[in-house]
Amino acid sequence: MASSEEFVRYVVGQLDEAGNIIYKKLFGEYGLWLDGKFFGTIEDNQFYVKVTKAGKKLLPEAEPVAPHGGRPGMYAVEELDDKAFLAELVRKTWDELPAPKPKRSGPRREKKVSERE
């Protein structure tokens, strides 16, 4: 089941104390960014943040999960009512994440395909 736009807007509204949250469609669900860093997702109407040491401290009962398959790398955030807590969780998670890679400028080079005889 895909997440509803209404739920995504609700979560982003709950996170507004963390800063300027951007959400975008990502593989049929939604990715969340703060100041250019990807920090979480909303999938099947569930909010997830990336696994960090700060996240483990703030969500001590949470176990890493893989909401979209692959290796577990996210914590499910069950409590969405406490805006101050959510802001702290997002900011501290953001602090531990690496800076985004700079965007490439200029045209992309095409890969050469070797010709077979």
PDB file of N, CA and C in Angstrom:
ATOM      1  N   MET A   1       0.846  -1.177   0.000  1.00  0.00           N
ATOM      2  CA  MET A   1       0.000   0.000   0.000  1.00  0.00           C
ATOM      3  C   MET A   1       0.893   1.244   0.000  1.00  0.00           C
ATOM      4  N   ALA A   2       0.704   2.112  -0.938  1.00  0.00           N
ATOM      5  CA  ALA A   2       1.483   3.346  -1.025  1.00  0.00           C
ATOM      6  C   ALA A   2       1.007   4.345   0.031  1.00  0.00           C
ATOM      7  N   SER A   3       1.901   5.220   0.415  1.00  0.00           N
ATOM      8  CA  SER A   3       1.561   6.253   1.396  1.00  0.00           C
ATOM      9  C   SER A   3       0.636   7.291   0.774  1.00  0.00           C
ATOM     10  N   SER A   4      -0.249   7.823   1.580  1.00  0.00           N
ATOM     11  CA  SER A   4      -1.145   8.870   1.096  1.00  0.00           C
ATOM     12  C   SER A   4      -0.441  10.225   1.198  1.00  0.00           C
ATOM     13  N   GLU A   5      -0.737  11.093   0.256  1.00  0.00           N
ATOM     14  CA  GLU A   5      -0.184  12.451   0.266  1.00  0.00           C
ATOM     15  C   GLU A   5      -0.597  13.173   1.558  1.00  0.00           C
ATOM     16  N   GLU A   6      -1.782  12.883   2.041  1.00  0.00           N
ATOM     17  CA  GLU A   6      -2.274  13.500   3.276  1.00  0.00           C
ATOM     18  C   GLU A   6      -1.383  13.114   4.468  1.00  0.00           C
ATOM     19  N   PHE A   7      -1.012  11.832   4.564  1.00  0.00           N
ATOM     20  CA  PHE A   7      -0.152  11.381   5.651  1.00  0.00           C
ATOM     21  C   PHE A   7       1.237  12.008   5.532  1.00  0.00           C
ATOM     22  N   VAL A   8       1.759  12.084   4.323  1.00  0.00           N
ATOM     23  CA  VAL A   8       3.079  12.685   4.107  1.00  0.00           C
ATOM     24  C   VAL A   8       3.063  14.142   4.569  1.00  0.00           C
ATOM     25  N   ARG A   9       2.049  14.902   4.181  1.00  0.00           N
ATOM     26  CA  ARG A   9       1.959  16.307   4.605  1.00  0.00           C
ATOM     27  C   ARG A   9       1.828  16.413   6.124  1.00  0.00           C
ATOM     28  N   TYR A  10       1.115  15.479   6.749  1.00  0.00           N
ATOM     29  CA  TYR A  10       0.989  15.471   8.207  1.00  0.00           C
ATOM     30  C   TYR A  10       2.360  15.285   8.863  1.00  0.00           C
ATOM     31  N   VAL A  11       3.117  14.287   8.412  1.00  0.00           N
ATOM     32  CA  VAL A  11       4.434  14.017   9.000  1.00  0.00           C
ATOM     33  C   VAL A  11       5.354  15.220   8.790  1.00  0.00           C
ATOM     34  N   VAL A  12       5.387  15.752   7.583  1.00  0.00           N
ATOM     35  CA  VAL A  12       6.243  16.908   7.304  1.00  0.00           C
ATOM     36  C   VAL A  12       5.842  18.084   8.187  1.00  0.00           C
ATOM     37  N   GLY A  13       4.558  18.270   8.422  1.00  0.00           N
ATOM     38  CA  GLY A  13       4.097  19.316   9.339  1.00  0.00           C
ATOM     39  C   GLY A  13       4.567  19.067  10.763  1.00  0.00           C
ATOM     40  N   GLN A  14       4.578  17.819  11.181  1.00  0.00           N
ATOM     41  CA  GLN A  14       5.052  17.478  12.518  1.00  0.00           C
ATOM     42  C   GLN A  14       6.561  17.702  12.658  1.00  0.00           C
ATOM     43  N   LEU A  15       7.273  17.695  11.556  1.00  0.00           N
ATOM     44  CA  LEU A  15       8.726  17.868  11.567  1.00  0.00           C
ATOM     45  C   LEU A  15       9.152  19.312  11.348  1.00  0.00           C
ATOM     46  N   ASP A  16       8.212  20.246  11.264  1.00  0.00           N
ATOM     47  CA  ASP A  16       8.560  21.613  10.876  1.00  0.00           C
ATOM     48  C   ASP A  16       9.502  22.319  11.848  1.00  0.00           C
ATOM     49  N   GLU A  17       9.566  21.898  13.094  1.00  0.00           N
ATOM     50  CA  GLU A  17      10.496  22.517  14.044  1.00  0.00           C
ATOM     51  C   GLU A  17      11.949  22.116  13.774  1.00  0.00           C
ATOM     52  N   ALA A  18      12.153  21.080  12.968  1.00  0.00           N
ATOM     53  CA  ALA A  18      13.515  20.638  12.633  1.00  0.00           C
ATOM     54  C   ALA A  18      14.145  21.533  11.572  1.00  0.00           C
ATOM     55  N   GLY A  19      13.335  22.191  10.780  1.00  0.00           N
ATOM     56  CA  GLY A  19      13.843  23.032   9.698  1.00  0.00           C
ATOM     57  C   GLY A  19      13.013  22.830   8.449  1.00  0.00           C
ATOM     58  N   ASN A  20      13.586  23.202   7.331  1.00  0.00           N
ATOM     59  CA  ASN A  20      12.883  23.135   6.053  1.00  0.00           C
ATOM     60  C   ASN A  20      12.973  21.727   5.469  1.00  0.00           C
ATOM     61  N   ILE A  21      11.944  20.939   5.693  1.00  0.00           N
ATOM     62  CA  ILE A  21      11.893  19.562   5.216  1.00  0.00           C
ATOM     63  C   ILE A  21      11.342  19.549   3.794  1.00  0.00           C
ATOM     64  N   ILE A  22      12.027  18.835   2.928  1.00  0.00           N
ATOM     65  CA  ILE A  22      11.588  18.645   1.548  1.00  0.00           C
ATOM     66  C   ILE A  22      11.218  17.173   1.388  1.00  0.00           C
ATOM     67  N   TYR A  23      10.097  16.910   0.729  1.00  0.00           N
ATOM     68  CA  TYR A  23       9.764  15.521   0.414  1.00  0.00           C
ATOM     69  C   TYR A  23       9.583  15.381  -1.081  1.00  0.00           C
ATOM     70  N   LYS A  24       9.985  14.213  -1.586  1.00  0.00           N
ATOM     71  CA  LYS A  24       9.883  13.916  -3.009  1.00  0.00           C
ATOM     72  C   LYS A  24       9.481  12.461  -3.174  1.00  0.00           C
ATOM     73  N   LYS A  25       8.779  12.195  -4.264  1.00  0.00           N
ATOM     74  CA  LYS A  25       8.473  10.807  -4.600  1.00  0.00           C
ATOM     75  C   LYS A  25       9.780  10.060  -4.797  1.00  0.00           C
ATOM     76  N   LEU A  26       9.843   8.867  -4.259  1.00  0.00           N
ATOM     77  CA  LEU A  26      11.048   8.058  -4.331  1.00  0.00           C
ATOM     78  C   LEU A  26      10.642   6.594  -4.438  1.00  0.00           C
ATOM     79  N   PHE A  27      10.805   6.015  -5.602  1.00  0.00           N
ATOM     80  CA  PHE A  27      10.464   4.607  -5.826  1.00  0.00           C
ATOM     81  C   PHE A  27       9.037   4.283  -5.389  1.00  0.00           C
ATOM     82  N   GLY A  28       8.105   5.164  -5.703  1.00  0.00           N
ATOM     83  CA  GLY A  28       6.702   4.932  -5.384  1.00  0.00           C
ATOM     84  C   GLY A  28       6.305   5.352  -3.984  1.00  0.00           C
ATOM     85  N   GLU A  29       7.240   5.727  -3.168  1.00  0.00           N
ATOM     86  CA  GLU A  29       6.955   6.224  -1.829  1.00  0.00           C
ATOM     87  C   GLU A  29       7.556   7.621  -1.713  1.00  0.00           C
ATOM     88  N   TYR A  30       8.019   8.024  -0.530  1.00  0.00           N
ATOM     89  CA  TYR A  30       8.516   9.383  -0.351  1.00  0.00           C
ATOM     90  C   TYR A  30       9.839   9.403   0.400  1.00  0.00           C
ATOM     91  N   GLY A  31      10.777  10.205  -0.100  1.00  0.00           N
ATOM     92  CA  GLY A  31      12.037  10.458   0.577  1.00  0.00           C
ATOM     93  C   GLY A  31      11.963  11.810   1.265  1.00  0.00           C
ATOM     94  N   LEU A  32      12.690  11.957   2.370  1.00  0.00           N
ATOM     95  CA  LEU A  32      12.697  13.192   3.146  1.00  0.00           C
ATOM     96  C   LEU A  32      14.113  13.747   3.230  1.00  0.00           C
ATOM     97  N   TRP A  33      14.257  15.059   3.015  1.00  0.00           N
ATOM     98  CA  TRP A  33      15.544  15.740   3.057  1.00  0.00           C
ATOM     99  C   TRP A  33      15.461  16.952   3.965  1.00  0.00           C
ATOM    100  N   LEU A  34      16.556  17.221   4.651  1.00  0.00           N
ATOM    101  CA  LEU A  34      16.716  18.445   5.430  1.00  0.00           C
ATOM    102  C   LEU A  34      18.042  19.058   5.003  1.00  0.00           C
ATOM    103  N   ASP A  35      17.994  20.283   4.519  1.00  0.00           N
ATOM    104  CA  ASP A  35      19.199  20.991   4.063  1.00  0.00           C
ATOM    105  C   ASP A  35      20.074  20.126   3.161  1.00  0.00           C
ATOM    106  N   GLY A  36      19.442  19.469   2.226  1.00  0.00           N
ATOM    107  CA  GLY A  36      20.166  18.689   1.234  1.00  0.00           C
ATOM    108  C   GLY A  36      20.563  17.287   1.641  1.00  0.00           C
ATOM    109  N   LYS A  37      20.345  16.905   2.884  1.00  0.00           N
ATOM    110  CA  LYS A  37      20.690  15.557   3.339  1.00  0.00           C
ATOM    111  C   LYS A  37      19.438  14.692   3.408  1.00  0.00           C
ATOM    112  N   PHE A  38      19.537  13.535   2.796  1.00  0.00           N
ATOM    113  CA  PHE A  38      18.478  12.539   2.866  1.00  0.00           C
ATOM    114  C   PHE A  38      18.532  11.884   4.238  1.00  0.00           C
ATOM    115  N   PHE A  39      17.453  11.993   5.007  1.00  0.00           N
ATOM    116  CA  PHE A  39      17.475  11.458   6.372  1.00  0.00           C
ATOM    117  C   PHE A  39      16.397  10.433   6.653  1.00  0.00           C
ATOM    118  N   GLY A  40      15.387  10.309   5.802  1.00  0.00           N
ATOM    119  CA  GLY A  40      14.318   9.376   6.116  1.00  0.00           C
ATOM    120  C   GLY A  40      13.368   9.142   4.964  1.00  0.00           C
ATOM    121  N   THR A  41      12.384   8.285   5.229  1.00  0.00           N
ATOM    122  CA  THR A  41      11.369   7.970   4.227  1.00  0.00           C
ATOM    123  C   THR A  41      10.004   7.874   4.893  1.00  0.00           C
ATOM    124  N   ILE A  42       9.009   7.915   4.058  1.00  0.00           N
ATOM    125  CA  ILE A  42       7.653   7.561   4.469  1.00  0.00           C
ATOM    126  C   ILE A  42       7.221   6.479   3.501  1.00  0.00           C
ATOM    127  N   GLU A  43       6.954   5.307   4.037  1.00  0.00           N
ATOM    128  CA  GLU A  43       6.566   4.155   3.242  1.00  0.00           C
ATOM    129  C   GLU A  43       5.402   3.450   3.916  1.00  0.00           C
ATOM    130  N   ASP A  44       4.376   3.164   3.138  1.00  0.00           N
ATOM    131  CA  ASP A  44       3.168   2.510   3.661  1.00  0.00           C
ATOM    132  C   ASP A  44       2.615   3.253   4.877  1.00  0.00           C
ATOM    133  N   ASN A  45       2.589   4.581   4.781  1.00  0.00           N
ATOM    134  CA  ASN A  45       2.096   5.440   5.864  1.00  0.00           C
ATOM    135  C   ASN A  45       2.821   5.199   7.186  1.00  0.00           C
ATOM    136  N   GLN A  46       4.117   4.988   7.093  1.00  0.00           N
ATOM    137  CA  GLN A  46       4.984   4.825   8.261  1.00  0.00           C
ATOM    138  C   GLN A  46       6.212   5.699   8.048  1.00  0.00           C
ATOM    139  N   PHE A  47       6.610   6.462   9.079  1.00  0.00           N
ATOM    140  CA  PHE A  47       7.775   7.332   9.019  1.00  0.00           C
ATOM    141  C   PHE A  47       8.998   6.572   9.502  1.00  0.00           C
ATOM    142  N   TYR A  48      10.100   6.670   8.744  1.00  0.00           N
ATOM    143  CA  TYR A  48      11.365   6.024   9.076  1.00  0.00           C
ATOM    144  C   TYR A  48      12.492   7.050   9.030  1.00  0.00           C
ATOM    145  N   VAL A  49      13.479   6.909   9.931  1.00  0.00           N
ATOM    146  CA  VAL A  49      14.696   7.715   9.871  1.00  0.00           C
ATOM    147  C   VAL A  49      15.880   6.772   9.731  1.00  0.00           C
ATOM    148  N   LYS A  50      16.949   7.289   9.133  1.00  0.00           N
ATOM    149  CA  LYS A  50      18.156   6.492   8.979  1.00  0.00           C
ATOM    150  C   LYS A  50      18.727   6.117  10.347  1.00  0.00           C
ATOM    151  N   VAL A  51      19.360   4.986  10.407  1.00  0.00           N
ATOM    152  CA  VAL A  51      19.994   4.507  11.629  1.00  0.00           C
ATOM    153  C   VAL A  51      21.225   5.361  11.925  1.00  0.00           C
ATOM    154  N   THR A  52      21.281   5.909  13.138  1.00  0.00           N
ATOM    155  CA  THR A  52      22.448   6.640  13.642  1.00  0.00           C
ATOM    156  C   THR A  52      22.581   6.339  15.127  1.00  0.00           C
ATOM    157  N   LYS A  53      23.716   6.721  15.712  1.00  0.00           N
ATOM    158  CA  LYS A  53      23.896   6.562  17.159  1.00  0.00           C
ATOM    159  C   LYS A  53      22.880   7.406  17.919  1.00  0.00           C
ATOM    160  N   ALA A  54      22.651   8.620  17.444  1.00  0.00           N
ATOM    161  CA  ALA A  54      21.677   9.500  18.098  1.00  0.00           C
ATOM    162  C   ALA A  54      20.275   8.898  18.035  1.00  0.00           C
ATOM    163  N   GLY A  55      19.944   8.323  16.895  1.00  0.00           N
ATOM    164  CA  GLY A  55      18.639   7.680  16.753  1.00  0.00           C
ATOM    165  C   GLY A  55      18.465   6.536  17.736  1.00  0.00           C
ATOM    166  N   LYS A  56      19.522   5.763  17.925  1.00  0.00           N
ATOM    167  CA  LYS A  56      19.449   4.644  18.877  1.00  0.00           C
ATOM    168  C   LYS A  56      19.244   5.148  20.305  1.00  0.00           C
ATOM    169  N   LYS A  57      19.894   6.280  20.651  1.00  0.00           N
ATOM    170  CA  LYS A  57      19.701   6.854  21.988  1.00  0.00           C
ATOM    171  C   LYS A  57      18.276   7.360  22.180  1.00  0.00           C
ATOM    172  N   LEU A  58      17.755   8.006  21.131  1.00  0.00           N
ATOM    173  CA  LEU A  58      16.421   8.597  21.239  1.00  0.00           C
ATOM    174  C   LEU A  58      15.297   7.577  21.046  1.00  0.00           C
ATOM    175  N   LEU A  59      15.593   6.492  20.358  1.00  0.00           N
ATOM    176  CA  LEU A  59      14.617   5.419  20.124  1.00  0.00           C
ATOM    177  C   LEU A  59      15.211   4.104  20.631  1.00  0.00           C
ATOM    178  N   PRO A  60      15.426   3.978  21.948  1.00  0.00           N
ATOM    179  CA  PRO A  60      16.168   2.823  22.480  1.00  0.00           C
ATOM    180  C   PRO A  60      15.537   1.467  22.194  1.00  0.00           C
ATOM    181  N   GLU A  61      14.245   1.419  22.012  1.00  0.00           N
ATOM    182  CA  GLU A  61      13.563   0.146  21.750  1.00  0.00           C
ATOM    183  C   GLU A  61      13.548  -0.211  20.271  1.00  0.00           C
ATOM    184  N   ALA A  62      13.891   0.728  19.403  1.00  0.00           N
ATOM    185  CA  ALA A  62      13.790   0.511  17.958  1.00  0.00           C
ATOM    186  C   ALA A  62      14.875  -0.438  17.466  1.00  0.00           C
ATOM    187  N   GLU A  63      14.494  -1.286  16.562  1.00  0.00           N
ATOM    188  CA  GLU A  63      15.427  -2.192  15.886  1.00  0.00           C
ATOM    189  C   GLU A  63      15.511  -1.757  14.426  1.00  0.00           C
ATOM    190  N   PRO A  64      16.697  -1.825  13.829  1.00  0.00           N
ATOM    191  CA  PRO A  64      16.811  -1.460  12.413  1.00  0.00           C
ATOM    192  C   PRO A  64      15.931  -2.351  11.540  1.00  0.00           C
ATOM    193  N   VAL A  65      15.257  -1.716  10.591  1.00  0.00           N
ATOM    194  CA  VAL A  65      14.396  -2.433   9.652  1.00  0.00           C
ATOM    195  C   VAL A  65      14.765  -2.020   8.229  1.00  0.00           C
ATOM    196  N   ALA A  66      14.268  -2.788   7.282  1.00  0.00           N
ATOM    197  CA  ALA A  66      14.471  -2.499   5.861  1.00  0.00           C
ATOM    198  C   ALA A  66      13.096  -2.345   5.220  1.00  0.00           C
ATOM    199  N   PRO A  67      12.505  -1.160   5.316  1.00  0.00           N
ATOM    200  CA  PRO A  67      11.137  -0.999   4.820  1.00  0.00           C
ATOM    201  C   PRO A  67      10.990  -1.243   3.324  1.00  0.00           C
ATOM    202  N   HIS A  68      12.043  -1.069   2.557  1.00  0.00           N
ATOM    203  CA  HIS A  68      11.974  -1.241   1.111  1.00  0.00           C
ATOM    204  C   HIS A  68      12.842  -2.402   0.642  1.00  0.00           C
ATOM    205  N   GLY A  69      13.172  -3.301   1.530  1.00  0.00           N
ATOM    206  CA  GLY A  69      14.003  -4.447   1.191  1.00  0.00           C
ATOM    207  C   GLY A  69      15.476  -4.137   1.390  1.00  0.00           C
ATOM    208  N   GLY A  70      16.307  -5.119   1.188  1.00  0.00           N
ATOM    209  CA  GLY A  70      17.742  -4.918   1.348  1.00  0.00           C
ATOM    210  C   GLY A  70      18.166  -5.003   2.801  1.00  0.00           C
ATOM    211  N   ARG A  71      19.270  -4.314   3.110  1.00  0.00           N
ATOM    212  CA  ARG A  71      19.811  -4.331   4.474  1.00  0.00           C
ATOM    213  C   ARG A  71      19.023  -3.396   5.377  1.00  0.00           C
ATOM    214  N   PRO A  72      18.795  -3.792   6.632  1.00  0.00           N
ATOM    215  CA  PRO A  72      18.133  -2.885   7.568  1.00  0.00           C
ATOM    216  C   PRO A  72      18.979  -1.626   7.785  1.00  0.00           C
ATOM    217  N   GLY A  73      18.356  -0.480   7.650  1.00  0.00           N
ATOM    218  CA  GLY A  73      19.087   0.764   7.803  1.00  0.00           C
ATOM    219  C   GLY A  73      18.216   1.920   8.255  1.00  0.00           C
ATOM    220  N   MET A  74      17.007   1.598   8.709  1.00  0.00           N
ATOM    221  CA  MET A  74      16.073   2.632   9.142  1.00  0.00           C
ATOM    222  C   MET A  74      15.428   2.222  10.466  1.00  0.00           C
ATOM    223  N   TYR A  75      15.054   3.250  11.226  1.00  0.00           N
ATOM    224  CA  TYR A  75      14.238   3.031  12.424  1.00  0.00           C
ATOM    225  C   TYR A  75      12.823   3.504  12.128  1.00  0.00           C
ATOM    226  N   ALA A  76      11.838   2.684  12.482  1.00  0.00           N
ATOM    227  CA  ALA A  76      10.446   3.109  12.390  1.00  0.00           C
ATOM    228  C   ALA A  76      10.169   4.057  13.550  1.00  0.00           C
ATOM    229  N   VAL A  77       9.556   5.178  13.251  1.00  0.00           N
ATOM    230  CA  VAL A  77       9.200   6.153  14.282  1.00  0.00           C
ATOM    231  C   VAL A  77       7.697   6.039  14.501  1.00  0.00           C
ATOM    232  N   GLU A  78       7.342   5.516  15.654  1.00  0.00           N
ATOM    233  CA  GLU A  78       5.934   5.246  15.944  1.00  0.00           C
ATOM    234  C   GLU A  78       5.196   6.467  16.507  1.00  0.00           C
ATOM    235  N   GLU A  79       5.868   7.229  17.348  1.00  0.00           N
ATOM    236  CA  GLU A  79       5.241   8.376  18.016  1.00  0.00           C
ATOM    237  C   GLU A  79       5.403   9.626  17.171  1.00  0.00           C
ATOM    238  N   LEU A  80       4.298  10.148  16.663  1.00  0.00           N
ATOM    239  CA  LEU A  80       4.348  11.310  15.787  1.00  0.00           C
ATOM    240  C   LEU A  80       3.711  12.560  16.403  1.00  0.00           C
ATOM    241  N   ASP A  81       3.302  12.500  17.654  1.00  0.00           N
ATOM    242  CA  ASP A  81       2.606  13.632  18.268  1.00  0.00           C
ATOM    243  C   ASP A  81       3.525  14.666  18.903  1.00  0.00           C
ATOM    244  N   ASP A  82       4.705  14.282  19.313  1.00  0.00           N
ATOM    245  CA  ASP A  82       5.619  15.181  20.032  1.00  0.00           C
ATOM    246  C   ASP A  82       6.551  15.880  19.041  1.00  0.00           C
ATOM    247  N   LYS A  83       6.172  17.092  18.635  1.00  0.00           N
ATOM    248  CA  LYS A  83       6.936  17.823  17.618  1.00  0.00           C
ATOM    249  C   LYS A  83       8.356  18.153  18.082  1.00  0.00           C
ATOM    250  N   ALA A  84       8.532  18.478  19.354  1.00  0.00           N
ATOM    251  CA  ALA A  84       9.872  18.799  19.869  1.00  0.00           C
ATOM    252  C   ALA A  84      10.770  17.566  19.799  1.00  0.00           C
ATOM    253  N   PHE A  85      10.249  16.413  20.188  1.00  0.00           N
ATOM    254  CA  PHE A  85      11.020  15.170  20.101  1.00  0.00           C
ATOM    255  C   PHE A  85      11.382  14.853  18.650  1.00  0.00           C
ATOM    256  N   LEU A  86      10.417  14.973  17.753  1.00  0.00           N
ATOM    257  CA  LEU A  86      10.679  14.681  16.341  1.00  0.00           C
ATOM    258  C   LEU A  86      11.730  15.618  15.762  1.00  0.00           C
ATOM    259  N   ALA A  87      11.671  16.895  16.139  1.00  0.00           N
ATOM    260  CA  ALA A  87      12.671  17.857  15.662  1.00  0.00           C
ATOM    261  C   ALA A  87      14.058  17.470  16.167  1.00  0.00           C
ATOM    262  N   GLU A  88      14.153  17.089  17.433  1.00  0.00           N
ATOM    263  CA  GLU A  88      15.436  16.670  17.994  1.00  0.00           C
ATOM    264  C   GLU A  88      15.956  15.428  17.275  1.00  0.00           C
ATOM    265  N   LEU A  89      15.085  14.451  17.057  1.00  0.00           N
ATOM    266  CA  LEU A  89      15.468  13.220  16.361  1.00  0.00           C
ATOM    267  C   LEU A  89      15.989  13.520  14.961  1.00  0.00           C
ATOM    268  N   VAL A  90      15.285  14.341  14.219  1.00  0.00           N
ATOM    269  CA  VAL A  90      15.696  14.651  12.851  1.00  0.00           C
ATOM    270  C   VAL A  90      16.997  15.446  12.840  1.00  0.00           C
ATOM    271  N   ARG A  91      17.115  16.453  13.690  1.00  0.00           N
ATOM    272  CA  ARG A  91      18.341  17.267  13.709  1.00  0.00           C
ATOM    273  C   ARG A  91      19.553  16.446  14.122  1.00  0.00           C
ATOM    274  N   LYS A  92      19.410  15.612  15.148  1.00  0.00           N
ATOM    275  CA  LYS A  92      20.545  14.808  15.599  1.00  0.00           C
ATOM    276  C   LYS A  92      20.895  13.724  14.587  1.00  0.00           C
ATOM    277  N   THR A  93      19.901  13.169  13.928  1.00  0.00           N
ATOM    278  CA  THR A  93      20.162  12.215  12.850  1.00  0.00           C
ATOM    279  C   THR A  93      20.906  12.932  11.729  1.00  0.00           C
ATOM    280  N   TRP A  94      20.426  14.107  11.353  1.00  0.00           N
ATOM    281  CA  TRP A  94      21.034  14.919  10.297  1.00  0.00           C
ATOM    282  C   TRP A  94      22.494  15.215  10.614  1.00  0.00           C
ATOM    283  N   ASP A  95      22.781  15.543  11.873  1.00  0.00           N
ATOM    284  CA  ASP A  95      24.150  15.873  12.284  1.00  0.00           C
ATOM    285  C   ASP A  95      25.130  14.728  12.004  1.00  0.00           C
ATOM    286  N   GLU A  96      24.683  13.498  12.116  1.00  0.00           N
ATOM    287  CA  GLU A  96      25.567  12.343  11.936  1.00  0.00           C
ATOM    288  C   GLU A  96      25.700  11.880  10.486  1.00  0.00           C
ATOM    289  N   LEU A  97      24.867  12.380   9.613  1.00  0.00           N
ATOM    290  CA  LEU A  97      24.903  11.931   8.224  1.00  0.00           C
ATOM    291  C   LEU A  97      25.949  12.703   7.427  1.00  0.00           C
ATOM    292  N   PRO A  98      26.563  12.053   6.447  1.00  0.00           N
ATOM    293  CA  PRO A  98      27.571  12.752   5.634  1.00  0.00           C
ATOM    294  C   PRO A  98      26.923  13.831   4.769  1.00  0.00           C
ATOM    295  N   ALA A  99      27.723  14.810   4.412  1.00  0.00           N
ATOM    296  CA  ALA A  99      27.246  15.871   3.519  1.00  0.00           C
ATOM    297  C   ALA A  99      26.887  15.258   2.168  1.00  0.00           C
ATOM    298  N   PRO A 100      25.904  15.825   1.496  1.00  0.00           N
ATOM    299  CA  PRO A 100      25.552  15.286   0.175  1.00  0.00           C
ATOM    300  C   PRO A 100      26.701  15.477  -0.810  1.00  0.00           C
ATOM    301  N   LYS A 101      26.809  14.556  -1.731  1.00  0.00           N
ATOM    302  CA  LYS A 101      27.838  14.655  -2.758  1.00  0.00           C
ATOM    303  C   LYS A 101      27.505  15.828  -3.676  1.00  0.00           C
ATOM    304  N   PRO A 102      28.533  16.565  -4.107  1.00  0.00           N
ATOM    305  CA  PRO A 102      28.252  17.686  -5.014  1.00  0.00           C
ATOM    306  C   PRO A 102      27.686  17.183  -6.336  1.00  0.00           C
ATOM    307  N   LYS A 103      26.787  17.967  -6.887  1.00  0.00           N
ATOM    308  CA  LYS A 103      26.185  17.604  -8.168  1.00  0.00           C
ATOM    309  C   LYS A 103      27.211  17.788  -9.277  1.00  0.00           C
ATOM    310  N   ARG A 104      27.171  16.907 -10.244  1.00  0.00           N
ATOM    311  CA  ARG A 104      28.063  17.016 -11.396  1.00  0.00           C
ATOM    312  C   ARG A 104      27.598  18.176 -12.264  1.00  0.00           C
ATOM    313  N   SER A 105      28.554  18.911 -12.775  1.00  0.00           N
ATOM    314  CA  SER A 105      28.192  19.977 -13.694  1.00  0.00           C
ATOM    315  C   SER A 105      28.654  19.604 -15.090  1.00  0.00           C
ATOM    316  N   GLY A 106      28.009  20.175 -16.056  1.00  0.00           N
ATOM    317  CA  GLY A 106      28.376  19.899 -17.437  1.00  0.00           C
ATOM    318  C   GLY A 106      27.661  18.676 -17.968  1.00  0.00           C
ATOM    319  N   PRO A 107      27.813  18.442 -19.245  1.00  0.00           N
ATOM    320  CA  PRO A 107      27.121  17.297 -19.865  1.00  0.00           C
ATOM    321  C   PRO A 107      27.751  15.973 -19.439  1.00  0.00           C
ATOM    322  N   ARG A 108      26.929  14.982 -19.393  1.00  0.00           N
ATOM    323  CA  ARG A 108      27.414  13.637 -19.077  1.00  0.00           C
ATOM    324  C   ARG A 108      28.077  13.047 -20.310  1.00  0.00           C
ATOM    325  N   ARG A 109      29.128  12.323 -20.064  1.00  0.00           N
ATOM    326  CA  ARG A 109      29.787  11.649 -21.171  1.00  0.00           C
ATOM    327  C   ARG A 109      29.101  10.322 -21.431  1.00  0.00           C
ATOM    328  N   GLU A 110      28.960  10.011 -22.678  1.00  0.00           N
ATOM    329  CA  GLU A 110      28.345   8.727 -23.035  1.00  0.00           C
ATOM    330  C   GLU A 110      29.397   7.641 -22.925  1.00  0.00           C
ATOM    331  N   LYS A 111      28.968   6.493 -22.499  1.00  0.00           N
ATOM    332  CA  LYS A 111      29.863   5.341 -22.454  1.00  0.00           C
ATOM    333  C   LYS A 111      30.049   4.809 -23.861  1.00  0.00           C
ATOM    334  N   LYS A 112      31.268   4.445 -24.156  1.00  0.00           N
ATOM    335  CA  LYS A 112      31.546   3.871 -25.462  1.00  0.00           C
ATOM    336  C   LYS A 112      31.195   2.388 -25.443  1.00  0.00           C
ATOM    337  N   VAL A 113      30.546   1.982 -26.455  1.00  0.00           N
ATOM    338  CA  VAL A 113      30.207   0.570 -26.595  1.00  0.00           C
ATOM    339  C   VAL A 113      31.193  -0.021 -27.586  1.00  0.00           C
ATOM    340  N   SER A 114      31.876  -1.050 -27.151  1.00  0.00           N
ATOM    341  CA  SER A 114      32.850  -1.662 -28.073  1.00  0.00           C
ATOM    342  C   SER A 114      32.097  -2.387 -29.171  1.00  0.00           C
ATOM    343  N   GLU A 115      32.635  -2.238 -30.357  1.00  0.00           N
ATOM    344  CA  GLU A 115      32.003  -2.896 -31.497  1.00  0.00           C
ATOM    345  C   GLU A 115      32.564  -4.299 -31.631  1.00  0.00           C
ATOM    346  N   ARG A 116      31.714  -5.229 -31.922  1.00  0.00           N
ATOM    347  CA  ARG A 116      32.142  -6.614 -32.144  1.00  0.00           C
ATOM    348  C   ARG A 116      32.062  -6.904 -33.626  1.00  0.00           C
ATOM    349  N   GLU A 117      33.019  -7.605 -34.091  1.00  0.00           N
ATOM    350  CA  GLU A 117      33.018  -7.968 -35.512  1.00  0.00           C
ATOM    351  C   GLU A 117      32.443  -9.320 -35.725  1.00  0.00           C
TER     352      GLU A 117
END
